[in-house]
Amino acid sequence: MSRISDREAAILGLLCERSRYGYELEKIIEERGMRVWTEIGFSSIYYVLNKLEIKGYISSTVKEVEGKPSRRVYTVTDKGVLTMKEKIKSVLSLNKKTVSPFDLGIAYHYLLKPEEVLECLRLYLESLDKRRTALERSIREKQREGANYRVIALFSRPLAHVNAERLWVEQFIKEVERRDIDEENS
């Protein structure tokens, strides 16, 4: 089975729902808040569609619409559905290592003064709080819209990560403060 990128899977998944044209994909990505949980920019949609078509996961036809420019409509192939099912099984079965540049800061924070480290960590907490607020707002909006549990989970899962990260950073701040006091007393 051929492997597809997460970006390709995001587009292919939308096409598994039904055939669509490129601009329609952009509108749906925006409406569903997909950019919160996947990395897909407007400019990359057509690039991804082209890759999927070359690999045989989708096909396209040009539809003439009276009074409007013609549109290229993309449809998932049987091979595309099978590939998407394999991708879903893979990502739901395996916890993939995530890489965060924050870890670089942790590794080398000794190059900063303790008060600089603490200031940075407090700013990081503020950024987590802003992200938490945005995610909570998105959850409320999706609930008001009557979104199904899968859509809400796409916001509640990152919220759980933000909450866990916040707790960890609070503990790390205490550790930095304690180490700073220990070093002063040494």
N, C-alpha and C. Protein backbone atom coordinates (compact mmCIF):
# COMPACT_ATOMS: atom_id res chain seq x y z
N MET A 1 0.84 -1.18 0.00
CA MET A 1 0.00 0.00 0.00
C MET A 1 0.89 1.24 0.00
N SER A 2 0.55 2.17 -0.83
CA SER A 2 1.32 3.40 -0.93
C SER A 2 0.99 4.32 0.25
N ARG A 3 2.00 5.03 0.70
CA ARG A 3 1.83 5.93 1.84
C ARG A 3 1.43 7.31 1.33
N ILE A 4 0.61 8.00 2.11
CA ILE A 4 0.26 9.38 1.78
C ILE A 4 0.57 10.26 2.99
N SER A 5 0.85 11.50 2.71
CA SER A 5 1.16 12.45 3.77
C SER A 5 -0.12 12.84 4.50
N ASP A 6 0.04 13.46 5.65
CA ASP A 6 -1.13 13.93 6.40
C ASP A 6 -1.89 14.98 5.59
N ARG A 7 -1.17 15.83 4.91
CA ARG A 7 -1.80 16.87 4.07
C ARG A 7 -2.62 16.22 2.96
N GLU A 8 -2.06 15.19 2.33
CA GLU A 8 -2.79 14.47 1.28
C GLU A 8 -4.02 13.78 1.87
N ALA A 9 -3.87 13.22 3.06
CA ALA A 9 -5.01 12.54 3.70
C ALA A 9 -6.13 13.52 4.04
N ALA A 10 -5.78 14.74 4.45
CA ALA A 10 -6.80 15.74 4.77
C ALA A 10 -7.66 16.03 3.55
N ILE A 11 -7.03 16.19 2.40
CA ILE A 11 -7.76 16.47 1.16
C ILE A 11 -8.50 15.23 0.69
N LEU A 12 -7.83 14.09 0.71
CA LEU A 12 -8.45 12.85 0.26
C LEU A 12 -9.67 12.52 1.11
N GLY A 13 -9.59 12.76 2.41
CA GLY A 13 -10.72 12.51 3.29
C GLY A 13 -11.94 13.33 2.90
N LEU A 14 -11.73 14.59 2.55
CA LEU A 14 -12.85 15.43 2.11
C LEU A 14 -13.45 14.90 0.81
N LEU A 15 -12.61 14.39 -0.06
CA LEU A 15 -13.11 13.84 -1.32
C LEU A 15 -13.79 12.49 -1.12
N CYS A 16 -13.46 11.79 -0.04
CA CYS A 16 -14.17 10.54 0.27
C CYS A 16 -15.63 10.84 0.65
N GLU A 17 -15.88 12.04 1.16
CA GLU A 17 -17.25 12.43 1.50
C GLU A 17 -18.09 12.58 0.24
N ARG A 18 -17.52 13.28 -0.76
CA ARG A 18 -18.17 13.46 -2.06
C ARG A 18 -17.23 14.21 -2.99
N SER A 19 -17.54 14.19 -4.26
CA SER A 19 -16.73 14.90 -5.25
C SER A 19 -16.81 16.40 -5.00
N ARG A 20 -15.70 17.09 -5.24
CA ARG A 20 -15.66 18.53 -4.98
C ARG A 20 -14.70 19.19 -5.97
N TYR A 21 -14.84 20.50 -6.10
CA TYR A 21 -13.86 21.27 -6.87
C TYR A 21 -12.93 21.99 -5.91
N GLY A 22 -11.81 22.47 -6.40
CA GLY A 22 -10.75 23.01 -5.55
C GLY A 22 -11.19 24.11 -4.61
N TYR A 23 -11.90 25.10 -5.14
CA TYR A 23 -12.30 26.23 -4.29
C TYR A 23 -13.27 25.76 -3.20
N GLU A 24 -14.10 24.79 -3.52
CA GLU A 24 -15.03 24.23 -2.53
C GLU A 24 -14.25 23.57 -1.38
N LEU A 25 -13.15 22.91 -1.70
CA LEU A 25 -12.30 22.32 -0.66
C LEU A 25 -11.78 23.40 0.27
N GLU A 26 -11.34 24.52 -0.29
CA GLU A 26 -10.83 25.63 0.53
C GLU A 26 -11.92 26.14 1.47
N LYS A 27 -13.12 26.31 0.97
CA LYS A 27 -14.23 26.81 1.81
C LYS A 27 -14.52 25.84 2.95
N ILE A 28 -14.53 24.56 2.66
CA ILE A 28 -14.82 23.56 3.69
C ILE A 28 -13.71 23.52 4.73
N ILE A 29 -12.46 23.59 4.30
CA ILE A 29 -11.32 23.61 5.23
C ILE A 29 -11.47 24.79 6.18
N GLU A 30 -11.84 25.94 5.64
CA GLU A 30 -12.03 27.14 6.45
C GLU A 30 -13.22 26.98 7.39
N GLU A 31 -14.37 26.55 6.86
CA GLU A 31 -15.59 26.41 7.67
C GLU A 31 -15.43 25.43 8.82
N ARG A 32 -14.72 24.36 8.57
CA ARG A 32 -14.57 23.32 9.59
C ARG A 32 -13.42 23.59 10.56
N GLY A 33 -12.69 24.65 10.33
CA GLY A 33 -11.57 24.96 11.21
C GLY A 33 -10.44 23.95 11.10
N MET A 34 -10.29 23.36 9.94
CA MET A 34 -9.31 22.29 9.77
C MET A 34 -7.87 22.76 9.95
N ARG A 35 -7.64 24.04 9.77
CA ARG A 35 -6.26 24.52 9.92
C ARG A 35 -5.80 24.51 11.37
N VAL A 36 -6.74 24.30 12.29
CA VAL A 36 -6.37 24.15 13.71
C VAL A 36 -5.66 22.82 13.91
N TRP A 37 -6.06 21.80 13.18
CA TRP A 37 -5.53 20.47 13.44
C TRP A 37 -4.77 19.83 12.27
N THR A 38 -4.66 20.53 11.17
CA THR A 38 -3.84 20.01 10.07
C THR A 38 -3.15 21.16 9.36
N GLU A 39 -2.01 20.87 8.79
CA GLU A 39 -1.24 21.91 8.10
C GLU A 39 -1.56 21.87 6.62
N ILE A 40 -2.53 22.69 6.22
CA ILE A 40 -2.86 22.78 4.81
C ILE A 40 -3.21 24.22 4.48
N GLY A 41 -2.40 24.81 3.65
CA GLY A 41 -2.62 26.20 3.25
C GLY A 41 -3.41 26.26 1.96
N PHE A 42 -3.98 27.42 1.68
CA PHE A 42 -4.75 27.61 0.46
C PHE A 42 -3.91 27.27 -0.77
N SER A 43 -2.68 27.72 -0.76
CA SER A 43 -1.82 27.53 -1.94
C SER A 43 -1.45 26.07 -2.16
N SER A 44 -1.54 25.24 -1.14
CA SER A 44 -1.11 23.85 -1.30
C SER A 44 -2.24 22.92 -1.75
N ILE A 45 -3.47 23.39 -1.76
CA ILE A 45 -4.60 22.52 -2.11
C ILE A 45 -4.44 21.96 -3.52
N TYR A 46 -4.18 22.82 -4.50
CA TYR A 46 -4.08 22.34 -5.88
C TYR A 46 -2.83 21.49 -6.10
N TYR A 47 -1.77 21.81 -5.38
CA TYR A 47 -0.56 21.00 -5.44
C TYR A 47 -0.87 19.58 -4.95
N VAL A 48 -1.58 19.48 -3.83
CA VAL A 48 -1.94 18.18 -3.26
C VAL A 48 -2.90 17.44 -4.20
N LEU A 49 -3.88 18.15 -4.74
CA LEU A 49 -4.81 17.52 -5.68
C LEU A 49 -4.06 16.92 -6.87
N ASN A 50 -3.10 17.65 -7.38
CA ASN A 50 -2.30 17.16 -8.51
C ASN A 50 -1.53 15.89 -8.12
N LYS A 51 -0.92 15.90 -6.93
CA LYS A 51 -0.18 14.71 -6.47
C LYS A 51 -1.11 13.51 -6.32
N LEU A 52 -2.29 13.73 -5.74
CA LEU A 52 -3.24 12.64 -5.54
C LEU A 52 -3.71 12.07 -6.88
N GLU A 53 -3.88 12.96 -7.86
CA GLU A 53 -4.32 12.49 -9.18
C GLU A 53 -3.21 11.70 -9.87
N ILE A 54 -1.99 12.17 -9.78
CA ILE A 54 -0.86 11.45 -10.38
C ILE A 54 -0.72 10.05 -9.77
N LYS A 55 -0.96 9.94 -8.46
CA LYS A 55 -0.85 8.64 -7.77
C LYS A 55 -2.06 7.74 -8.03
N GLY A 56 -3.09 8.28 -8.67
CA GLY A 56 -4.27 7.47 -8.98
C GLY A 56 -5.28 7.38 -7.85
N TYR A 57 -5.18 8.24 -6.85
CA TYR A 57 -6.12 8.22 -5.73
C TYR A 57 -7.38 9.03 -6.01
N ILE A 58 -7.28 9.94 -6.96
CA ILE A 58 -8.44 10.72 -7.38
C ILE A 58 -8.40 10.87 -8.90
N SER A 59 -9.55 11.21 -9.46
CA SER A 59 -9.62 11.55 -10.88
C SER A 59 -10.33 12.89 -10.97
N SER A 60 -10.21 13.55 -12.11
CA SER A 60 -10.87 14.84 -12.25
C SER A 60 -11.53 14.94 -13.62
N THR A 61 -12.59 15.71 -13.64
CA THR A 61 -13.28 16.02 -14.88
C THR A 61 -13.60 17.51 -14.88
N VAL A 62 -13.67 18.07 -16.07
CA VAL A 62 -14.01 19.49 -16.19
C VAL A 62 -15.51 19.59 -16.41
N LYS A 63 -16.17 20.37 -15.56
CA LYS A 63 -17.62 20.58 -15.65
C LYS A 63 -17.87 21.99 -16.16
N GLU A 64 -18.69 22.07 -17.18
CA GLU A 64 -19.09 23.38 -17.71
C GLU A 64 -20.31 23.85 -16.94
N VAL A 65 -20.27 25.09 -16.48
CA VAL A 65 -21.39 25.68 -15.76
C VAL A 65 -21.79 26.93 -16.53
N GLU A 66 -23.05 26.98 -16.93
CA GLU A 66 -23.51 28.10 -17.75
C GLU A 66 -23.32 29.43 -17.04
N GLY A 67 -22.70 30.35 -17.74
CA GLY A 67 -22.49 31.69 -17.20
C GLY A 67 -21.32 31.79 -16.24
N LYS A 68 -20.62 30.70 -16.02
CA LYS A 68 -19.49 30.69 -15.09
C LYS A 68 -18.31 30.00 -15.75
N PRO A 69 -17.11 30.26 -15.24
CA PRO A 69 -15.96 29.52 -15.77
C PRO A 69 -16.11 28.02 -15.49
N SER A 70 -15.52 27.20 -16.32
CA SER A 70 -15.58 25.76 -16.09
C SER A 70 -14.82 25.42 -14.81
N ARG A 71 -15.24 24.32 -14.19
CA ARG A 71 -14.64 23.88 -12.93
C ARG A 71 -14.12 22.47 -13.08
N ARG A 72 -12.99 22.23 -12.45
CA ARG A 72 -12.45 20.87 -12.40
C ARG A 72 -12.97 20.23 -11.12
N VAL A 73 -13.70 19.12 -11.28
CA VAL A 73 -14.28 18.41 -10.15
C VAL A 73 -13.44 17.17 -9.88
N TYR A 74 -13.09 16.98 -8.62
CA TYR A 74 -12.23 15.87 -8.21
C TYR A 74 -13.07 14.81 -7.51
N THR A 75 -12.80 13.55 -7.87
CA THR A 75 -13.54 12.41 -7.33
C THR A 75 -12.54 11.36 -6.85
N VAL A 76 -12.80 10.79 -5.69
CA VAL A 76 -11.91 9.76 -5.16
C VAL A 76 -12.10 8.46 -5.95
N THR A 77 -11.01 7.74 -6.17
CA THR A 77 -11.06 6.45 -6.85
C THR A 77 -11.14 5.34 -5.80
N ASP A 78 -11.39 4.12 -6.26
CA ASP A 78 -11.39 2.98 -5.33
C ASP A 78 -10.04 2.84 -4.65
N LYS A 79 -8.97 3.05 -5.41
CA LYS A 79 -7.62 3.01 -4.85
C LYS A 79 -7.46 4.09 -3.77
N GLY A 80 -8.05 5.25 -4.01
CA GLY A 80 -7.98 6.35 -3.04
C GLY A 80 -8.71 6.02 -1.75
N VAL A 81 -9.89 5.40 -1.86
CA VAL A 81 -10.65 5.01 -0.66
C VAL A 81 -9.86 3.98 0.14
N LEU A 82 -9.31 3.00 -0.54
CA LEU A 82 -8.52 1.96 0.13
C LEU A 82 -7.31 2.57 0.83
N THR A 83 -6.62 3.47 0.15
CA THR A 83 -5.45 4.14 0.73
C THR A 83 -5.85 4.96 1.95
N MET A 84 -6.98 5.64 1.86
CA MET A 84 -7.44 6.46 2.98
C MET A 84 -7.79 5.58 4.18
N LYS A 85 -8.41 4.46 3.95
CA LYS A 85 -8.74 3.54 5.05
C LYS A 85 -7.46 3.05 5.74
N GLU A 86 -6.45 2.73 4.95
CA GLU A 86 -5.17 2.29 5.53
C GLU A 86 -4.51 3.41 6.33
N LYS A 87 -4.60 4.63 5.83
CA LYS A 87 -4.02 5.78 6.54
C LYS A 87 -4.74 5.97 7.88
N ILE A 88 -6.06 5.88 7.87
CA ILE A 88 -6.83 6.05 9.11
C ILE A 88 -6.44 4.98 10.12
N LYS A 89 -6.34 3.73 9.68
CA LYS A 89 -5.93 2.65 10.58
C LYS A 89 -4.55 2.94 11.17
N SER A 90 -3.66 3.40 10.34
CA SER A 90 -2.29 3.68 10.77
C SER A 90 -2.24 4.79 11.82
N VAL A 91 -2.89 5.91 11.55
CA VAL A 91 -2.79 7.05 12.48
C VAL A 91 -3.57 6.83 13.77
N LEU A 92 -4.63 6.01 13.71
CA LEU A 92 -5.39 5.72 14.93
C LEU A 92 -4.73 4.64 15.79
N SER A 93 -3.78 3.91 15.23
CA SER A 93 -3.16 2.78 15.93
C SER A 93 -1.82 3.08 16.57
N LEU A 94 -1.15 4.14 16.15
CA LEU A 94 0.22 4.36 16.57
C LEU A 94 0.43 5.79 17.05
N ASN A 95 0.98 5.92 18.26
CA ASN A 95 1.33 7.25 18.77
C ASN A 95 2.64 7.66 18.12
N LYS A 96 2.57 8.69 17.32
CA LYS A 96 3.74 9.17 16.59
C LYS A 96 4.47 10.22 17.42
N LYS A 97 5.78 10.15 17.42
CA LYS A 97 6.60 11.12 18.14
C LYS A 97 6.33 12.51 17.57
N THR A 98 6.11 13.46 18.46
CA THR A 98 5.96 14.84 18.03
C THR A 98 7.21 15.60 18.42
N VAL A 99 7.62 16.49 17.56
CA VAL A 99 8.82 17.29 17.79
C VAL A 99 8.38 18.72 18.03
N SER A 100 8.83 19.29 19.14
CA SER A 100 8.48 20.67 19.47
C SER A 100 9.74 21.49 19.65
N PRO A 101 9.80 22.67 19.05
CA PRO A 101 10.96 23.53 19.27
C PRO A 101 11.09 23.98 20.73
N PHE A 102 9.99 23.87 21.48
CA PHE A 102 10.02 24.19 22.91
C PHE A 102 11.09 23.36 23.63
N ASP A 103 11.26 22.12 23.17
CA ASP A 103 12.26 21.24 23.79
C ASP A 103 13.69 21.75 23.60
N LEU A 104 13.94 22.49 22.53
CA LEU A 104 15.25 23.13 22.36
C LEU A 104 15.49 24.14 23.48
N GLY A 105 14.44 24.89 23.80
CA GLY A 105 14.54 25.86 24.89
C GLY A 105 14.82 25.18 26.22
N ILE A 106 14.16 24.07 26.46
CA ILE A 106 14.39 23.34 27.71
C ILE A 106 15.83 22.83 27.77
N ALA A 107 16.29 22.27 26.67
CA ALA A 107 17.64 21.69 26.64
C ALA A 107 18.72 22.73 26.90
N TYR A 108 18.53 23.94 26.43
CA TYR A 108 19.60 24.93 26.49
C TYR A 108 19.24 26.17 27.30
N HIS A 109 18.22 26.06 28.14
CA HIS A 109 17.82 27.25 28.91
C HIS A 109 18.90 27.69 29.90
N TYR A 110 19.86 26.83 30.17
CA TYR A 110 20.95 27.20 31.10
C TYR A 110 21.77 28.37 30.56
N LEU A 111 21.65 28.66 29.26
CA LEU A 111 22.38 29.79 28.68
C LEU A 111 21.77 31.13 29.08
N LEU A 112 20.55 31.10 29.59
CA LEU A 112 19.87 32.31 30.03
C LEU A 112 19.96 32.46 31.54
N LYS A 113 19.75 33.66 32.01
CA LYS A 113 19.65 33.89 33.45
C LYS A 113 18.33 33.29 33.92
N PRO A 114 18.27 32.81 35.16
CA PRO A 114 17.04 32.20 35.66
C PRO A 114 15.82 33.11 35.51
N GLU A 115 16.00 34.42 35.75
CA GLU A 115 14.84 35.32 35.62
C GLU A 115 14.38 35.43 34.16
N GLU A 116 15.31 35.29 33.21
CA GLU A 116 14.93 35.30 31.80
C GLU A 116 14.14 34.04 31.45
N VAL A 117 14.61 32.91 31.98
CA VAL A 117 13.91 31.65 31.75
C VAL A 117 12.50 31.74 32.30
N LEU A 118 12.37 32.24 33.52
CA LEU A 118 11.05 32.33 34.15
C LEU A 118 10.14 33.28 33.38
N GLU A 119 10.68 34.38 32.91
CA GLU A 119 9.87 35.31 32.11
C GLU A 119 9.37 34.63 30.83
N CYS A 120 10.27 33.92 30.17
CA CYS A 120 9.89 33.20 28.94
C CYS A 120 8.82 32.15 29.22
N LEU A 121 8.98 31.41 30.29
CA LEU A 121 8.01 30.37 30.63
C LEU A 121 6.65 30.96 30.97
N ARG A 122 6.64 32.11 31.62
CA ARG A 122 5.37 32.77 31.93
C ARG A 122 4.69 33.27 30.64
N LEU A 123 5.49 33.74 29.71
CA LEU A 123 4.94 34.14 28.41
C LEU A 123 4.39 32.92 27.67
N TYR A 124 5.08 31.80 27.81
CA TYR A 124 4.60 30.56 27.20
C TYR A 124 3.25 30.16 27.80
N LEU A 125 3.12 30.31 29.12
CA LEU A 125 1.83 30.03 29.76
C LEU A 125 0.74 30.93 29.20
N GLU A 126 1.06 32.20 28.98
CA GLU A 126 0.08 33.12 28.40
C GLU A 126 -0.33 32.66 27.01
N SER A 127 0.64 32.20 26.22
CA SER A 127 0.30 31.73 24.87
C SER A 127 -0.56 30.46 24.93
N LEU A 128 -0.29 29.60 25.92
CA LEU A 128 -1.14 28.42 26.11
C LEU A 128 -2.55 28.83 26.49
N ASP A 129 -2.66 29.85 27.35
CA ASP A 129 -3.99 30.32 27.76
C ASP A 129 -4.77 30.87 26.57
N LYS A 130 -4.09 31.59 25.69
CA LYS A 130 -4.76 32.13 24.50
C LYS A 130 -5.23 30.99 23.59
N ARG A 131 -4.39 30.00 23.44
CA ARG A 131 -4.77 28.85 22.61
C ARG A 131 -5.92 28.09 23.25
N ARG A 132 -5.87 27.94 24.57
CA ARG A 132 -6.95 27.25 25.28
C ARG A 132 -8.27 27.99 25.07
N THR A 133 -8.24 29.31 25.21
CA THR A 133 -9.44 30.12 25.02
C THR A 133 -10.00 29.94 23.61
N ALA A 134 -9.12 29.96 22.62
CA ALA A 134 -9.56 29.80 21.23
C ALA A 134 -10.18 28.41 21.00
N LEU A 135 -9.56 27.38 21.57
CA LEU A 135 -10.09 26.03 21.42
C LEU A 135 -11.43 25.88 22.13
N GLU A 136 -11.54 26.43 23.32
CA GLU A 136 -12.82 26.36 24.05
C GLU A 136 -13.92 27.08 23.27
N ARG A 137 -13.58 28.23 22.68
CA ARG A 137 -14.54 28.97 21.87
C ARG A 137 -14.97 28.13 20.66
N SER A 138 -14.01 27.49 20.02
CA SER A 138 -14.32 26.64 18.86
C SER A 138 -15.24 25.49 19.26
N ILE A 139 -14.99 24.90 20.40
CA ILE A 139 -15.83 23.79 20.87
C ILE A 139 -17.26 24.29 21.09
N ARG A 140 -17.39 25.44 21.76
CA ARG A 140 -18.74 25.99 21.99
C ARG A 140 -19.46 26.28 20.68
N GLU A 141 -18.73 26.86 19.73
CA GLU A 141 -19.32 27.17 18.42
C GLU A 141 -19.78 25.90 17.72
N LYS A 142 -18.93 24.89 17.72
CA LYS A 142 -19.28 23.63 17.05
C LYS A 142 -20.46 22.96 17.75
N GLN A 143 -20.53 23.05 19.08
CA GLN A 143 -21.67 22.47 19.80
C GLN A 143 -22.96 23.21 19.44
N ARG A 144 -22.88 24.56 19.38
CA ARG A 144 -24.06 25.35 19.00
C ARG A 144 -24.53 25.01 17.59
N GLU A 145 -23.57 24.74 16.71
CA GLU A 145 -23.90 24.39 15.32
C GLU A 145 -24.44 22.98 15.20
N GLY A 146 -24.38 22.22 16.29
CA GLY A 146 -24.85 20.84 16.26
C GLY A 146 -23.87 19.88 15.59
N ALA A 147 -22.60 20.24 15.61
CA ALA A 147 -21.58 19.39 14.99
C ALA A 147 -21.53 18.03 15.68
N ASN A 148 -21.16 17.01 14.93
CA ASN A 148 -21.09 15.68 15.53
C ASN A 148 -19.85 15.53 16.41
N TYR A 149 -19.80 14.46 17.14
CA TYR A 149 -18.73 14.24 18.12
C TYR A 149 -17.35 14.21 17.49
N ARG A 150 -17.25 13.75 16.23
CA ARG A 150 -15.93 13.69 15.58
C ARG A 150 -15.36 15.09 15.37
N VAL A 151 -16.20 16.01 14.98
CA VAL A 151 -15.75 17.39 14.75
C VAL A 151 -15.34 18.02 16.08
N ILE A 152 -16.14 17.85 17.10
CA ILE A 152 -15.83 18.42 18.41
C ILE A 152 -14.53 17.82 18.96
N ALA A 153 -14.32 16.54 18.72
CA ALA A 153 -13.09 15.88 19.18
C ALA A 153 -11.83 16.49 18.56
N LEU A 154 -11.96 17.05 17.37
CA LEU A 154 -10.81 17.68 16.71
C LEU A 154 -10.37 18.94 17.42
N PHE A 155 -11.21 19.47 18.30
CA PHE A 155 -10.86 20.64 19.11
C PHE A 155 -10.64 20.25 20.58
N SER A 156 -11.39 19.25 21.06
CA SER A 156 -11.24 18.87 22.47
C SER A 156 -9.93 18.12 22.72
N ARG A 157 -9.45 17.37 21.75
CA ARG A 157 -8.17 16.67 21.92
C ARG A 157 -7.01 17.66 22.05
N PRO A 158 -6.87 18.64 21.14
CA PRO A 158 -5.80 19.63 21.35
C PRO A 158 -5.97 20.40 22.65
N LEU A 159 -7.22 20.62 23.08
CA LEU A 159 -7.46 21.31 24.35
C LEU A 159 -6.89 20.48 25.51
N ALA A 160 -7.08 19.18 25.47
CA ALA A 160 -6.53 18.31 26.52
C ALA A 160 -5.00 18.40 26.52
N HIS A 161 -4.40 18.47 25.35
CA HIS A 161 -2.93 18.61 25.27
C HIS A 161 -2.48 19.94 25.85
N VAL A 162 -3.20 21.01 25.53
CA VAL A 162 -2.85 22.34 26.05
C VAL A 162 -2.96 22.34 27.57
N ASN A 163 -4.02 21.75 28.11
CA ASN A 163 -4.18 21.69 29.56
C ASN A 163 -3.06 20.90 30.23
N ALA A 164 -2.69 19.78 29.63
CA ALA A 164 -1.59 18.97 30.18
C ALA A 164 -0.27 19.73 30.08
N GLU A 165 -0.04 20.40 28.97
CA GLU A 165 1.18 21.18 28.78
C GLU A 165 1.26 22.29 29.82
N ARG A 166 0.13 22.93 30.08
CA ARG A 166 0.10 24.03 31.05
C ARG A 166 0.50 23.52 32.44
N LEU A 167 -0.05 22.39 32.85
CA LEU A 167 0.31 21.80 34.15
C LEU A 167 1.80 21.49 34.21
N TRP A 168 2.34 20.92 33.14
CA TRP A 168 3.75 20.58 33.11
C TRP A 168 4.61 21.84 33.23
N VAL A 169 4.27 22.88 32.49
CA VAL A 169 5.06 24.12 32.52
C VAL A 169 4.99 24.76 33.90
N GLU A 170 3.83 24.73 34.54
CA GLU A 170 3.73 25.27 35.91
C GLU A 170 4.68 24.53 36.85
N GLN A 171 4.74 23.21 36.73
CA GLN A 171 5.66 22.42 37.56
C GLN A 171 7.12 22.73 37.22
N PHE A 172 7.40 22.91 35.94
CA PHE A 172 8.76 23.22 35.52
C PHE A 172 9.19 24.58 36.04
N ILE A 173 8.28 25.54 36.05
CA ILE A 173 8.59 26.86 36.62
C ILE A 173 9.00 26.72 38.08
N LYS A 174 8.26 25.91 38.83
CA LYS A 174 8.60 25.68 40.24
C LYS A 174 9.98 25.05 40.38
N GLU A 175 10.28 24.13 39.48
CA GLU A 175 11.60 23.47 39.50
C GLU A 175 12.71 24.47 39.20
N VAL A 176 12.50 25.33 38.21
CA VAL A 176 13.51 26.35 37.87
C VAL A 176 13.69 27.29 39.06
N GLU A 177 12.60 27.70 39.68
CA GLU A 177 12.68 28.59 40.85
C GLU A 177 13.44 27.91 41.99
N ARG A 178 13.12 26.64 42.24
CA ARG A 178 13.78 25.89 43.31
C ARG A 178 15.27 25.74 43.03
N ARG A 179 15.62 25.40 41.80
CA ARG A 179 17.03 25.22 41.43
C ARG A 179 17.78 26.54 41.58
N ASP A 180 17.13 27.64 41.21
CA ASP A 180 17.76 28.95 41.32
C ASP A 180 18.05 29.27 42.78
N ILE A 181 17.10 28.96 43.67
CA ILE A 181 17.29 29.20 45.11
C ILE A 181 18.40 28.30 45.65
N ASP A 182 18.40 27.01 45.23
CA ASP A 182 19.43 26.07 45.67
C ASP A 182 20.82 26.55 45.25
N GLU A 183 20.93 27.07 44.03
CA GLU A 183 22.24 27.54 43.54
C GLU A 183 22.68 28.80 44.27
N GLU A 184 21.73 29.66 44.65
CA GLU A 184 22.08 30.86 45.41
C GLU A 184 22.60 30.49 46.80
N ASN A 185 22.04 29.43 47.37
CA ASN A 185 22.42 29.00 48.72
C ASN A 185 23.68 28.13 48.72
N SER A 186 24.17 27.76 47.56
CA SER A 186 25.35 26.89 47.48
C SER A 186 26.62 27.68 47.63
